[in-house]
Amino acid sequence: MTQDNIPVALSSASVYPLNVHDAFALASDLGYDGVEVLVTGNQISQHPGKLMDLSARYDQPIMAIHAPTLLLTQQVWGNAWNKIEMSAAMAEEVGCDVVVVHPPFRWQGTYATGFAEGVARIMEEHGVKIAVENMYPWRARGREALMYLPHWDPVPQPYDYVTWDFSHAAIADMDSHRAMVELGERLSHVHLCDGRNNSKDEHLVPGRGTQPVAEAMTHLRDSRWQGVVAVEVSTRRAKGAGEREEWLGETLEFARRHLAPNDDAASDAEGADAVPGGQVADADQVPRAP
């Protein structure tokens, strides 16, 4: 299935410490296309029926489920495989096809060593995409601590689907535009934000960090990407509801401006198809950010 415009969803993580109900209400008020639900200790976030009620009430479709695979959600839904299974079942029930997960920590035993195979099995059972998110190296006393297995960088890993987060990429000193081009069709979901390489996972409003966010967004537009961009901007330090809405409204406007269909790009792509022997450039031929 194709889409004319790339949908922009609001992640419920963006309103933390408020709850998922607030995320649906704010997404509706600001004009988002839908919501990504981060499963937390909040009971509504764990209940498919209640989430569907909110979706109907605010006319905001659920576009992704973020599994509770964060350190702060260790107590939610039991062991690691149960978290993935229940998230996939929830996605199937609420009608979305993407589940965002973090890569396993090294100390998680057979879950870590059999992660890729287990993810493939659950995807087949539930008919959803499990998109593994890029993370970043943890550093202590100037040295990298090996926290994730097989690695924090999903690009070279055997994952069918990947979620890309700009704040995490900033900490890892990665070029998000280049990584997205390299991922190609494996890129299934995007967390829109910004960041700086200062070891702080800041999740800034786009343009307030150092990542090539605008270039990455126009790449998604010009390549006719078929995923969802979910805004995951931290508003914990916002000075009240007004500034929170300002930041999330600004990020939505940024996304819409850079993702808006480009008639010239579309014409060029169609022209390439029409010319005998003409081909659209593959990933290796796409200009990359310096």
C-alpha atoms as a PDB file:
ATOM      1  CA  MET A   1       0.000   0.000   0.000  1.00  0.00           C
ATOM      2  CA  THR A   2       1.304   3.461  -0.867  1.00  0.00           C
ATOM      3  CA  GLN A   3       0.721   6.792   0.819  1.00  0.00           C
ATOM      4  CA  ASP A   4       0.839  10.327  -0.590  1.00  0.00           C
ATOM      5  CA  ASN A   5       1.981  11.979   2.642  1.00  0.00           C
ATOM      6  CA  ILE A   6       4.195  10.500   5.343  1.00  0.00           C
ATOM      7  CA  PRO A   7       2.097  10.391   8.545  1.00  0.00           C
ATOM      8  CA  VAL A   8       3.389  12.240  11.597  1.00  0.00           C
ATOM      9  CA  ALA A   9       2.435  10.675  14.942  1.00  0.00           C
ATOM     10  CA  LEU A  10       2.971  11.892  18.493  1.00  0.00           C
ATOM     11  CA  SER A  11       4.784   9.474  20.787  1.00  0.00           C
ATOM     12  CA  SER A  12       3.246   9.341  24.248  1.00  0.00           C
ATOM     13  CA  ALA A  13       6.844   9.519  25.515  1.00  0.00           C
ATOM     14  CA  SER A  14       6.770  13.176  24.449  1.00  0.00           C
ATOM     15  CA  VAL A  15       4.316  14.119  27.205  1.00  0.00           C
ATOM     16  CA  TYR A  16       6.054  12.226  30.039  1.00  0.00           C
ATOM     17  CA  PRO A  17       5.447  12.409  33.010  1.00  0.00           C
ATOM     18  CA  LEU A  18       1.856  12.947  31.851  1.00  0.00           C
ATOM     19  CA  ASN A  19       0.006   9.809  30.724  1.00  0.00           C
ATOM     20  CA  VAL A  20      -1.119   8.308  27.455  1.00  0.00           C
ATOM     21  CA  HIS A  21      -4.552   9.955  27.700  1.00  0.00           C
ATOM     22  CA  ASP A  22      -2.825  13.342  27.599  1.00  0.00           C
ATOM     23  CA  ALA A  23      -0.893  12.254  24.518  1.00  0.00           C
ATOM     24  CA  PHE A  24      -4.093  11.490  22.585  1.00  0.00           C
ATOM     25  CA  ALA A  25      -5.683  14.781  23.652  1.00  0.00           C
ATOM     26  CA  LEU A  26      -2.616  16.826  22.726  1.00  0.00           C
ATOM     27  CA  ALA A  27      -2.156  15.021  19.398  1.00  0.00           C
ATOM     28  CA  SER A  28      -5.750  15.882  18.526  1.00  0.00           C
ATOM     29  CA  ASP A  29      -5.414  19.513  19.594  1.00  0.00           C
ATOM     30  CA  LEU A  30      -2.227  20.069  17.582  1.00  0.00           C
ATOM     31  CA  GLY A  31      -3.370  18.214  14.449  1.00  0.00           C
ATOM     32  CA  TYR A  32      -1.147  15.143  14.472  1.00  0.00           C
ATOM     33  CA  ASP A  33      -2.009  12.154  12.263  1.00  0.00           C
ATOM     34  CA  GLY A  34      -1.943   9.610  15.090  1.00  0.00           C
ATOM     35  CA  VAL A  35      -0.212   8.394  18.239  1.00  0.00           C
ATOM     36  CA  GLU A  36       2.646   6.040  19.104  1.00  0.00           C
ATOM     37  CA  VAL A  37       1.937   4.394  22.464  1.00  0.00           C
ATOM     38  CA  LEU A  38       4.860   3.744  24.792  1.00  0.00           C
ATOM     39  CA  VAL A  39       3.824   0.958  27.162  1.00  0.00           C
ATOM     40  CA  THR A  40       4.653   2.017  30.722  1.00  0.00           C
ATOM     41  CA  GLY A  41       3.406   1.395  34.249  1.00  0.00           C
ATOM     42  CA  ASN A  42       0.333   3.462  33.386  1.00  0.00           C
ATOM     43  CA  GLN A  43      -2.532   0.968  33.186  1.00  0.00           C
ATOM     44  CA  ILE A  44      -4.231   2.599  30.191  1.00  0.00           C
ATOM     45  CA  SER A  45      -1.051   2.164  28.125  1.00  0.00           C
ATOM     46  CA  GLN A  46      -1.237  -1.599  28.785  1.00  0.00           C
ATOM     47  CA  HIS A  47      -4.899  -2.073  27.873  1.00  0.00           C
ATOM     48  CA  PRO A  48      -5.799  -2.453  24.166  1.00  0.00           C
ATOM     49  CA  GLY A  49      -9.507  -1.800  24.724  1.00  0.00           C
ATOM     50  CA  LYS A  50      -8.912   1.447  26.608  1.00  0.00           C
ATOM     51  CA  LEU A  51      -6.418   2.571  23.974  1.00  0.00           C
ATOM     52  CA  MET A  52      -8.966   1.935  21.241  1.00  0.00           C
ATOM     53  CA  ASP A  53     -11.515   3.993  23.195  1.00  0.00           C
ATOM     54  CA  LEU A  54      -9.064   6.898  23.319  1.00  0.00           C
ATOM     55  CA  SER A  55      -8.270   6.474  19.638  1.00  0.00           C
ATOM     56  CA  ALA A  56     -11.962   6.742  18.745  1.00  0.00           C
ATOM     57  CA  ARG A  57     -12.656   9.591  21.179  1.00  0.00           C
ATOM     58  CA  TYR A  58      -9.864  11.790  19.812  1.00  0.00           C
ATOM     59  CA  ASP A  59      -9.920  10.513  16.211  1.00  0.00           C
ATOM     60  CA  GLN A  60      -6.250   9.568  16.488  1.00  0.00           C
ATOM     61  CA  PRO A  61      -5.260   6.182  15.065  1.00  0.00           C
ATOM     62  CA  ILE A  62      -2.631   4.172  16.915  1.00  0.00           C
ATOM     63  CA  MET A  63       0.335   4.016  14.541  1.00  0.00           C
ATOM     64  CA  ALA A  64       2.918   2.131  16.614  1.00  0.00           C
ATOM     65  CA  ILE A  65       3.416   0.367  19.929  1.00  0.00           C
ATOM     66  CA  HIS A  66       6.688   0.939  21.771  1.00  0.00           C
ATOM     67  CA  ALA A  67       7.413  -2.172  23.831  1.00  0.00           C
ATOM     68  CA  PRO A  68       8.409  -1.666  27.504  1.00  0.00           C
ATOM     69  CA  THR A  69      12.042  -2.610  26.858  1.00  0.00           C
ATOM     70  CA  LEU A  70      13.490   0.467  28.584  1.00  0.00           C
ATOM     71  CA  LEU A  71      15.319   0.406  31.897  1.00  0.00           C
ATOM     72  CA  LEU A  72      12.520   2.447  33.483  1.00  0.00           C
ATOM     73  CA  THR A  73       9.901  -0.156  32.443  1.00  0.00           C
ATOM     74  CA  GLN A  74      11.691  -3.254  33.739  1.00  0.00           C
ATOM     75  CA  GLN A  75       8.744  -4.160  35.965  1.00  0.00           C
ATOM     76  CA  VAL A  76       6.144  -3.964  33.173  1.00  0.00           C
ATOM     77  CA  TRP A  77       4.875  -7.245  31.671  1.00  0.00           C
ATOM     78  CA  GLY A  78       7.427  -9.558  33.215  1.00  0.00           C
ATOM     79  CA  ASN A  79      10.366 -11.069  31.375  1.00  0.00           C
ATOM     80  CA  ALA A  80      11.877  -9.702  28.183  1.00  0.00           C
ATOM     81  CA  TRP A  81      10.223 -12.132  25.749  1.00  0.00           C
ATOM     82  CA  ASN A  82       6.845 -11.561  27.381  1.00  0.00           C
ATOM     83  CA  LYS A  83       7.252  -7.811  26.797  1.00  0.00           C
ATOM     84  CA  ILE A  84       7.784  -8.414  23.072  1.00  0.00           C
ATOM     85  CA  GLU A  85       4.993 -10.990  22.764  1.00  0.00           C
ATOM     86  CA  MET A  86       2.424  -8.816  24.528  1.00  0.00           C
ATOM     87  CA  SER A  87       3.433  -5.716  22.565  1.00  0.00           C
ATOM     88  CA  ALA A  88       3.043  -7.598  19.279  1.00  0.00           C
ATOM     89  CA  ALA A  89      -0.351  -8.948  20.362  1.00  0.00           C
ATOM     90  CA  MET A  90      -1.434  -5.422  21.353  1.00  0.00           C
ATOM     91  CA  ALA A  91      -0.323  -3.978  18.008  1.00  0.00           C
ATOM     92  CA  GLU A  92      -2.306  -6.669  16.218  1.00  0.00           C
ATOM     93  CA  GLU A  93      -5.386  -5.908  18.332  1.00  0.00           C
ATOM     94  CA  VAL A  94      -5.314  -2.122  17.945  1.00  0.00           C
ATOM     95  CA  GLY A  95      -4.634  -2.331  14.219  1.00  0.00           C
ATOM     96  CA  CYS A  96      -1.083  -1.035  13.789  1.00  0.00           C
ATOM     97  CA  ASP A  97       1.776  -2.948  12.222  1.00  0.00           C
ATOM     98  CA  VAL A  98       4.915  -1.608  13.951  1.00  0.00           C
ATOM     99  CA  VAL A  99       6.351  -2.532  17.345  1.00  0.00           C
ATOM    100  CA  VAL A 100       9.410  -0.564  18.464  1.00  0.00           C
ATOM    101  CA  VAL A 101      11.907  -2.427  20.658  1.00  0.00           C
ATOM    102  CA  HIS A 102      15.332  -1.668  22.071  1.00  0.00           C
ATOM    103  CA  PRO A 103      18.185  -4.135  21.509  1.00  0.00           C
ATOM    104  CA  PRO A 104      18.842  -6.475  24.445  1.00  0.00           C
ATOM    105  CA  PHE A 105      21.291  -5.789  27.221  1.00  0.00           C
ATOM    106  CA  ARG A 106      24.273  -8.130  27.406  1.00  0.00           C
ATOM    107  CA  TRP A 107      23.200  -9.526  30.783  1.00  0.00           C
ATOM    108  CA  GLN A 108      19.829 -10.781  29.491  1.00  0.00           C
ATOM    109  CA  GLY A 109      21.079 -14.302  28.806  1.00  0.00           C
ATOM    110  CA  THR A 110      19.349 -16.369  26.122  1.00  0.00           C
ATOM    111  CA  TYR A 111      17.052 -13.429  25.307  1.00  0.00           C
ATOM    112  CA  ALA A 112      20.133 -11.522  24.163  1.00  0.00           C
ATOM    113  CA  THR A 113      21.850 -14.381  22.342  1.00  0.00           C
ATOM    114  CA  GLY A 114      18.679 -15.496  20.532  1.00  0.00           C
ATOM    115  CA  PHE A 115      17.180 -12.052  20.002  1.00  0.00           C
ATOM    116  CA  ALA A 116      17.130 -11.869  16.185  1.00  0.00           C
ATOM    117  CA  GLU A 117      15.653 -15.365  15.828  1.00  0.00           C
ATOM    118  CA  GLY A 118      13.029 -14.756  18.510  1.00  0.00           C
ATOM    119  CA  VAL A 119      11.973 -11.466  16.960  1.00  0.00           C
ATOM    120  CA  ALA A 120      11.524 -13.166  13.577  1.00  0.00           C
ATOM    121  CA  ARG A 121       9.310 -15.826  15.172  1.00  0.00           C
ATOM    122  CA  ILE A 122       7.060 -13.315  16.926  1.00  0.00           C
ATOM    123  CA  MET A 123       6.709 -11.234  13.755  1.00  0.00           C
ATOM    124  CA  GLU A 124       5.533 -14.286  11.861  1.00  0.00           C
ATOM    125  CA  GLU A 125       3.071 -15.265  14.592  1.00  0.00           C
ATOM    126  CA  HIS A 126       1.445 -11.828  14.892  1.00  0.00           C
ATOM    127  CA  GLY A 127       1.910 -10.348  11.423  1.00  0.00           C
ATOM    128  CA  VAL A 128       3.635  -7.175  12.660  1.00  0.00           C
ATOM    129  CA  LYS A 129       6.991  -5.508  12.061  1.00  0.00           C
ATOM    130  CA  ILE A 130       9.308  -5.484  15.064  1.00  0.00           C
ATOM    131  CA  ALA A 131      11.607  -2.538  14.392  1.00  0.00           C
ATOM    132  CA  VAL A 132      14.790  -2.525  16.484  1.00  0.00           C
ATOM    133  CA  GLU A 133      15.828   0.955  17.578  1.00  0.00           C
ATOM    134  CA  ASN A 134      19.330   2.360  17.301  1.00  0.00           C
ATOM    135  CA  MET A 135      20.874   3.058  20.688  1.00  0.00           C
ATOM    136  CA  TYR A 136      24.293   4.457  21.677  1.00  0.00           C
ATOM    137  CA  PRO A 137      27.484   3.531  23.539  1.00  0.00           C
ATOM    138  CA  TRP A 138      27.548   3.991  27.288  1.00  0.00           C
ATOM    139  CA  ARG A 139      30.782   5.595  28.423  1.00  0.00           C
ATOM    140  CA  ALA A 140      32.399   5.462  31.847  1.00  0.00           C
ATOM    141  CA  ARG A 141      35.680   7.222  32.658  1.00  0.00           C
ATOM    142  CA  GLY A 142      36.295   7.844  28.997  1.00  0.00           C
ATOM    143  CA  ARG A 143      35.831   4.204  27.981  1.00  0.00           C
ATOM    144  CA  GLU A 144      32.884   2.549  26.259  1.00  0.00           C
ATOM    145  CA  ALA A 145      30.928   0.064  28.357  1.00  0.00           C
ATOM    146  CA  LEU A 146      29.571  -2.816  26.283  1.00  0.00           C
ATOM    147  CA  MET A 147      25.901  -2.690  27.275  1.00  0.00           C
ATOM    148  CA  TYR A 148      24.061  -4.115  24.263  1.00  0.00           C
ATOM    149  CA  LEU A 149      24.243  -7.435  22.464  1.00  0.00           C
ATOM    150  CA  PRO A 150      25.067  -7.811  19.662  1.00  0.00           C
ATOM    151  CA  HIS A 151      25.493  -4.002  19.435  1.00  0.00           C
ATOM    152  CA  TRP A 152      23.831  -0.620  19.891  1.00  0.00           C
ATOM    153  CA  ASP A 153      24.051   0.042  16.128  1.00  0.00           C
ATOM    154  CA  PRO A 154      21.364  -1.930  14.224  1.00  0.00           C
ATOM    155  CA  VAL A 155      22.614  -0.994  10.738  1.00  0.00           C
ATOM    156  CA  PRO A 156      24.969  -3.988  10.269  1.00  0.00           C
ATOM    157  CA  GLN A 157      22.755  -6.396  12.238  1.00  0.00           C
ATOM    158  CA  PRO A 158      20.418  -9.013  10.659  1.00  0.00           C
ATOM    159  CA  TYR A 159      17.209  -7.161  11.575  1.00  0.00           C
ATOM    160  CA  ASP A 160      14.507  -6.955   8.929  1.00  0.00           C
ATOM    161  CA  TYR A 161      13.135  -3.713  10.368  1.00  0.00           C
ATOM    162  CA  VAL A 162      14.765  -0.771  12.136  1.00  0.00           C
ATOM    163  CA  THR A 163      13.558   2.314  14.036  1.00  0.00           C
ATOM    164  CA  TRP A 164      15.836   5.361  13.781  1.00  0.00           C
ATOM    165  CA  ASP A 165      16.179   7.862  16.640  1.00  0.00           C
ATOM    166  CA  PHE A 166      18.097  11.116  16.061  1.00  0.00           C
ATOM    167  CA  SER A 167      18.908  11.756  19.727  1.00  0.00           C
ATOM    168  CA  HIS A 168      20.478   8.321  20.100  1.00  0.00           C
ATOM    169  CA  ALA A 169      22.403   8.848  16.856  1.00  0.00           C
ATOM    170  CA  ALA A 170      23.785  12.138  18.194  1.00  0.00           C
ATOM    171  CA  ILE A 171      25.213  10.464  21.309  1.00  0.00           C
ATOM    172  CA  ALA A 172      26.756   7.770  19.101  1.00  0.00           C
ATOM    173  CA  ASP A 173      28.209  10.471  16.807  1.00  0.00           C
ATOM    174  CA  MET A 174      26.435   8.952  13.796  1.00  0.00           C
ATOM    175  CA  ASP A 175      25.167  10.756  10.684  1.00  0.00           C
ATOM    176  CA  SER A 176      21.447   9.966  10.591  1.00  0.00           C
ATOM    177  CA  HIS A 177      21.027  10.930   6.940  1.00  0.00           C
ATOM    178  CA  ARG A 178      23.776   8.563   5.890  1.00  0.00           C
ATOM    179  CA  ALA A 179      22.454   5.753   8.087  1.00  0.00           C
ATOM    180  CA  MET A 180      18.934   6.102   6.681  1.00  0.00           C
ATOM    181  CA  VAL A 181      20.235   5.871   3.147  1.00  0.00           C
ATOM    182  CA  GLU A 182      22.250   2.775   4.057  1.00  0.00           C
ATOM    183  CA  LEU A 183      19.273   1.116   5.755  1.00  0.00           C
ATOM    184  CA  GLY A 184      17.107   1.504   2.664  1.00  0.00           C
ATOM    185  CA  GLU A 185      13.882  -0.490   2.904  1.00  0.00           C
ATOM    186  CA  ARG A 186      14.860  -1.858   6.327  1.00  0.00           C
ATOM    187  CA  LEU A 187      14.083   1.573   7.801  1.00  0.00           C
ATOM    188  CA  SER A 188      10.527   1.098   9.030  1.00  0.00           C
ATOM    189  CA  HIS A 189       9.924   3.797  11.658  1.00  0.00           C
ATOM    190  CA  VAL A 190      11.497   7.089  12.731  1.00  0.00           C
ATOM    191  CA  HIS A 191      11.627   8.909  16.069  1.00  0.00           C
ATOM    192  CA  LEU A 192      11.833  12.590  15.179  1.00  0.00           C
ATOM    193  CA  CYS A 193      13.901  14.750  17.548  1.00  0.00           C
ATOM    194  CA  ASP A 194      17.432  16.116  17.677  1.00  0.00           C
ATOM    195  CA  GLY A 195      20.438  15.750  19.951  1.00  0.00           C
ATOM    196  CA  ARG A 196      24.054  16.557  20.671  1.00  0.00           C
ATOM    197  CA  ASN A 197      27.095  14.369  21.240  1.00  0.00           C
ATOM    198  CA  ASN A 198      27.329  15.130  24.957  1.00  0.00           C
ATOM    199  CA  SER A 199      26.328  11.745  26.436  1.00  0.00           C
ATOM    200  CA  LYS A 200      22.882  13.138  27.302  1.00  0.00           C
ATOM    201  CA  ASP A 201      19.829  11.612  25.644  1.00  0.00           C
ATOM    202  CA  GLU A 202      18.135  14.996  25.248  1.00  0.00           C
ATOM    203  CA  HIS A 203      15.475  14.408  22.558  1.00  0.00           C
ATOM    204  CA  LEU A 204      15.512  18.038  21.496  1.00  0.00           C
ATOM    205  CA  VAL A 205      13.199  19.904  19.146  1.00  0.00           C
ATOM    206  CA  PRO A 206      14.600  19.456  15.586  1.00  0.00           C
ATOM    207  CA  GLY A 207      17.090  22.182  14.750  1.00  0.00           C
ATOM    208  CA  ARG A 208      18.297  22.600  18.323  1.00  0.00           C
ATOM    209  CA  GLY A 209      20.898  19.868  18.067  1.00  0.00           C
ATOM    210  CA  THR A 210      23.591  18.808  15.616  1.00  0.00           C
ATOM    211  CA  GLN A 211      21.920  16.057  13.602  1.00  0.00           C
ATOM    212  CA  PRO A 212      21.105  16.526   9.869  1.00  0.00           C
ATOM    213  CA  VAL A 213      17.410  16.190  10.610  1.00  0.00           C
ATOM    214  CA  ALA A 214      16.140  18.343   7.730  1.00  0.00           C
ATOM    215  CA  GLU A 215      18.248  16.434   5.190  1.00  0.00           C
ATOM    216  CA  ALA A 216      17.040  13.112   6.589  1.00  0.00           C
ATOM    217  CA  MET A 217      13.396  14.192   6.377  1.00  0.00           C
ATOM    218  CA  THR A 218      13.717  15.338   2.776  1.00  0.00           C
ATOM    219  CA  HIS A 219      15.416  12.033   1.968  1.00  0.00           C
ATOM    220  CA  LEU A 220      12.363  10.196   3.310  1.00  0.00           C
ATOM    221  CA  ARG A 221      10.137  12.443   1.221  1.00  0.00           C
ATOM    222  CA  ASP A 222      12.122  12.108  -1.989  1.00  0.00           C
ATOM    223  CA  SER A 223      12.539   8.336  -1.656  1.00  0.00           C
ATOM    224  CA  ARG A 224       8.767   7.946  -1.152  1.00  0.00           C
ATOM    225  CA  TRP A 225       9.346   6.206   2.136  1.00  0.00           C
ATOM    226  CA  GLN A 226       6.387   4.174   3.409  1.00  0.00           C
ATOM    227  CA  GLY A 227       6.671   4.489   7.183  1.00  0.00           C
ATOM    228  CA  VAL A 228       5.558   6.709  10.063  1.00  0.00           C
ATOM    229  CA  VAL A 229       7.520   9.575  11.613  1.00  0.00           C
ATOM    230  CA  ALA A 230       6.784   9.664  15.347  1.00  0.00           C
ATOM    231  CA  VAL A 231       7.707  12.813  17.256  1.00  0.00           C
ATOM    232  CA  GLU A 232       9.654  11.844  20.379  1.00  0.00           C
ATOM    233  CA  VAL A 233      10.707  15.174  21.881  1.00  0.00           C
ATOM    234  CA  SER A 234      11.320  15.414  25.605  1.00  0.00           C
ATOM    235  CA  THR A 235       9.106  18.079  27.206  1.00  0.00           C
ATOM    236  CA  ARG A 236       9.952  17.313  30.835  1.00  0.00           C
ATOM    237  CA  ARG A 237      11.748  20.648  31.171  1.00  0.00           C
ATOM    238  CA  ALA A 238       9.019  22.659  29.470  1.00  0.00           C
ATOM    239  CA  LYS A 239       7.696  25.517  31.585  1.00  0.00           C
ATOM    240  CA  GLY A 240       4.105  24.395  31.779  1.00  0.00           C
ATOM    241  CA  ALA A 241       1.518  23.191  29.267  1.00  0.00           C
ATOM    242  CA  GLY A 242       1.961  26.203  26.989  1.00  0.00           C
ATOM    243  CA  GLU A 243       5.640  25.581  26.307  1.00  0.00           C
ATOM    244  CA  ARG A 244       5.022  21.833  25.926  1.00  0.00           C
ATOM    245  CA  GLU A 245       2.435  22.543  23.221  1.00  0.00           C
ATOM    246  CA  GLU A 246       4.761  25.083  21.616  1.00  0.00           C
ATOM    247  CA  TRP A 247       7.612  22.564  21.327  1.00  0.00           C
ATOM    248  CA  LEU A 248       5.421  19.772  19.975  1.00  0.00           C
ATOM    249  CA  GLY A 249       3.622  22.117  17.605  1.00  0.00           C
ATOM    250  CA  GLU A 250       6.956  23.430  16.317  1.00  0.00           C
ATOM    251  CA  THR A 251       8.179  19.870  15.739  1.00  0.00           C
ATOM    252  CA  LEU A 252       5.002  18.934  13.866  1.00  0.00           C
ATOM    253  CA  GLU A 253       5.377  22.010  11.654  1.00  0.00           C
ATOM    254  CA  PHE A 254       9.028  21.096  11.001  1.00  0.00           C
ATOM    255  CA  ALA A 255       8.041  17.566  10.001  1.00  0.00           C
ATOM    256  CA  ARG A 256       5.220  18.670   7.711  1.00  0.00           C
ATOM    257  CA  ARG A 257       7.409  21.295   6.033  1.00  0.00           C
ATOM    258  CA  HIS A 258      10.214  18.876   5.208  1.00  0.00           C
ATOM    259  CA  LEU A 259       8.013  15.876   4.399  1.00  0.00           C
ATOM    260  CA  ALA A 260       5.583  17.733   2.117  1.00  0.00           C
ATOM    261  CA  PRO A 261       5.460  16.106  -1.345  1.00  0.00           C
ATOM    262  CA  ASN A 262       8.010  17.565  -3.731  1.00  0.00           C
ATOM    263  CA  ASP A 263       6.511  17.758  -7.199  1.00  0.00           C
ATOM    264  CA  ASP A 264       9.918  18.198  -8.832  1.00  0.00           C
ATOM    265  CA  ALA A 265      11.313  15.086  -7.132  1.00  0.00           C
ATOM    266  CA  ALA A 266       8.256  13.071  -8.103  1.00  0.00           C
ATOM    267  CA  SER A 267       8.554  14.197 -11.720  1.00  0.00           C
ATOM    268  CA  ASP A 268      12.244  13.315 -11.799  1.00  0.00           C
ATOM    269  CA  ALA A 269      11.531   9.819 -10.469  1.00  0.00           C
ATOM    270  CA  GLU A 270       8.764   9.257 -13.002  1.00  0.00           C
ATOM    271  CA  GLY A 271      10.989  10.567 -15.771  1.00  0.00           C
ATOM    272  CA  ALA A 272      13.755   8.148 -14.856  1.00  0.00           C
ATOM    273  CA  ASP A 273      11.293   5.274 -15.090  1.00  0.00           C
ATOM    274  CA  ALA A 274      10.060   6.485 -18.466  1.00  0.00           C
ATOM    275  CA  VAL A 275      13.475   6.796 -20.131  1.00  0.00           C
ATOM    276  CA  PRO A 276      14.645   3.547 -21.783  1.00  0.00           C
ATOM    277  CA  GLY A 277      17.226   2.039 -19.491  1.00  0.00           C
ATOM    278  CA  GLY A 278      16.656   4.853 -16.939  1.00  0.00           C
ATOM    279  CA  GLN A 279      16.922   3.862 -13.306  1.00  0.00           C
ATOM    280  CA  VAL A 280      16.378   5.610 -10.031  1.00  0.00           C
ATOM    281  CA  ALA A 281      19.675   5.814  -8.136  1.00  0.00           C
ATOM    282  CA  ASP A 282      20.262   3.104  -5.583  1.00  0.00           C
ATOM    283  CA  ALA A 283      21.351   3.794  -1.996  1.00  0.00           C
ATOM    284  CA  ASP A 284      25.046   3.905  -2.843  1.00  0.00           C
ATOM    285  CA  GLN A 285      24.413   6.605  -5.475  1.00  0.00           C
ATOM    286  CA  VAL A 286      22.376   8.948  -3.265  1.00  0.00           C
ATOM    287  CA  PRO A 287      24.397  12.004  -2.182  1.00  0.00           C
ATOM    288  CA  ARG A 288      25.265  11.724   1.499  1.00  0.00           C
ATOM    289  CA  ALA A 289      25.651  14.427   4.081  1.00  0.00           C
ATOM    290  CA  PRO A 290      29.285  15.274   4.843  1.00  0.00           C
END
